[in-house]
C-alpha atoms as a PDB file:
ATOM      1  CA  UNK A   1      -8.892 -20.413  -0.170  1.00  0.00           C
ATOM      2  CA  UNK A   2      -7.103 -21.998  -3.062  1.00  0.00           C
ATOM      3  CA  UNK A   3      -3.859 -20.320  -3.950  1.00  0.00           C
ATOM      4  CA  UNK A   4      -0.955 -21.189  -6.103  1.00  0.00           C
ATOM      5  CA  UNK A   5       2.671 -20.888  -5.053  1.00  0.00           C
ATOM      6  CA  UNK A   6       4.110 -17.697  -6.357  1.00  0.00           C
ATOM      7  CA  UNK A   7       7.301 -17.913  -8.413  1.00  0.00           C
ATOM      8  CA  UNK A   8      10.569 -16.671  -6.987  1.00  0.00           C
ATOM      9  CA  UNK A   9      11.362 -13.028  -7.776  1.00  0.00           C
ATOM     10  CA  UNK A  10       7.679 -11.950  -8.022  1.00  0.00           C
ATOM     11  CA  UNK A  11       7.003  -8.191  -8.251  1.00  0.00           C
ATOM     12  CA  UNK A  12       3.953  -6.248  -7.908  1.00  0.00           C
ATOM     13  CA  UNK A  13       3.269  -2.880  -9.575  1.00  0.00           C
ATOM     14  CA  UNK A  14       0.679  -0.174  -9.032  1.00  0.00           C
ATOM     15  CA  UNK A  15      -0.997   0.748 -12.216  1.00  0.00           C
ATOM     16  CA  UNK A  16      -2.129   4.264 -13.258  1.00  0.00           C
ATOM     17  CA  UNK A  17      -5.598   3.270 -11.964  1.00  0.00           C
ATOM     18  CA  UNK A  18      -4.216   2.491  -8.535  1.00  0.00           C
ATOM     19  CA  UNK A  19      -4.778  -1.316  -8.846  1.00  0.00           C
ATOM     20  CA  UNK A  20      -1.883  -3.602  -7.709  1.00  0.00           C
ATOM     21  CA  UNK A  21      -0.985  -6.181 -10.355  1.00  0.00           C
ATOM     22  CA  UNK A  22       1.746  -8.627 -11.146  1.00  0.00           C
ATOM     23  CA  UNK A  23       4.657  -7.147 -13.099  1.00  0.00           C
ATOM     24  CA  UNK A  24       4.647 -10.187 -15.334  1.00  0.00           C
ATOM     25  CA  UNK A  25       3.058 -13.632 -15.349  1.00  0.00           C
ATOM     26  CA  UNK A  26       3.570 -14.164 -11.613  1.00  0.00           C
ATOM     27  CA  UNK A  27       0.643 -14.673  -9.267  1.00  0.00           C
ATOM     28  CA  UNK A  28       0.383 -12.189  -6.353  1.00  0.00           C
ATOM     29  CA  UNK A  29      -1.742 -14.667  -4.332  1.00  0.00           C
ATOM     30  CA  UNK A  30      -3.722 -12.197  -2.315  1.00  0.00           C
ATOM     31  CA  UNK A  31      -7.154 -12.355  -3.938  1.00  0.00           C
ATOM     32  CA  UNK A  32      -8.613 -15.275  -1.947  1.00  0.00           C
ATOM     33  CA  UNK A  33      -6.795 -14.327   1.265  1.00  0.00           C
ATOM     34  CA  UNK A  34      -8.245 -10.830   1.130  1.00  0.00           C
ATOM     35  CA  UNK A  35     -11.767 -12.251   1.167  1.00  0.00           C
ATOM     36  CA  UNK A  36     -10.987 -14.465   4.164  1.00  0.00           C
ATOM     37  CA  UNK A  37      -9.555 -11.510   6.037  1.00  0.00           C
ATOM     38  CA  UNK A  38     -12.731  -9.459   5.400  1.00  0.00           C
ATOM     39  CA  UNK A  39     -14.925 -12.255   6.818  1.00  0.00           C
ATOM     40  CA  UNK A  40     -12.824 -12.662   9.856  1.00  0.00           C
ATOM     41  CA  UNK A  41     -12.541  -8.900  10.421  1.00  0.00           C
ATOM     42  CA  UNK A  42     -16.371  -8.605  10.217  1.00  0.00           C
ATOM     43  CA  UNK A  43     -16.710 -11.276  12.963  1.00  0.00           C
ATOM     44  CA  UNK A  44     -14.117  -9.540  15.076  1.00  0.00           C
ATOM     45  CA  UNK A  45     -15.776  -6.168  14.730  1.00  0.00           C
ATOM     46  CA  UNK A  46     -19.200  -7.525  15.747  1.00  0.00           C
ATOM     47  CA  UNK A  47     -17.678  -9.276  18.763  1.00  0.00           C
ATOM     48  CA  UNK A  48     -15.723  -6.177  19.911  1.00  0.00           C
ATOM     49  CA  UNK A  49     -18.754  -3.897  19.505  1.00  0.00           C
ATOM     50  CA  UNK A  50     -20.921  -6.223  21.524  1.00  0.00           C
ATOM     51  CA  UNK A  51     -23.630  -6.053  18.938  1.00  0.00           C
ATOM     52  CA  UNK A  52     -26.428  -8.578  19.646  1.00  0.00           C
ATOM     53  CA  UNK A  53     -26.574 -11.230  16.920  1.00  0.00           C
ATOM     54  CA  UNK A  54     -27.721 -14.713  16.206  1.00  0.00           C
ATOM     55  CA  UNK A  55     -25.259 -17.584  16.142  1.00  0.00           C
ATOM     56  CA  UNK A  56     -22.633 -17.204  13.508  1.00  0.00           C
ATOM     57  CA  UNK A  57     -21.212 -20.220  11.741  1.00  0.00           C
ATOM     58  CA  UNK A  58     -18.355 -19.852   9.273  1.00  0.00           C
ATOM     59  CA  UNK A  59     -17.276 -22.769   7.080  1.00  0.00           C
ATOM     60  CA  UNK A  60     -14.196 -22.563   4.905  1.00  0.00           C
END
């Protein structure tokens, strides 16, 4: 969950390999957030599908 404040004027570019990167030395700041979103989306999906499961405890 640790992120750094991105500098003003940051730009992202899509490389030839399809990976999004910073256009310079700026931090895009999405790496940690993307992992959090995946965890939360997984929980939401299980709840919406009504899949039986044990107790789920998430600690950030």
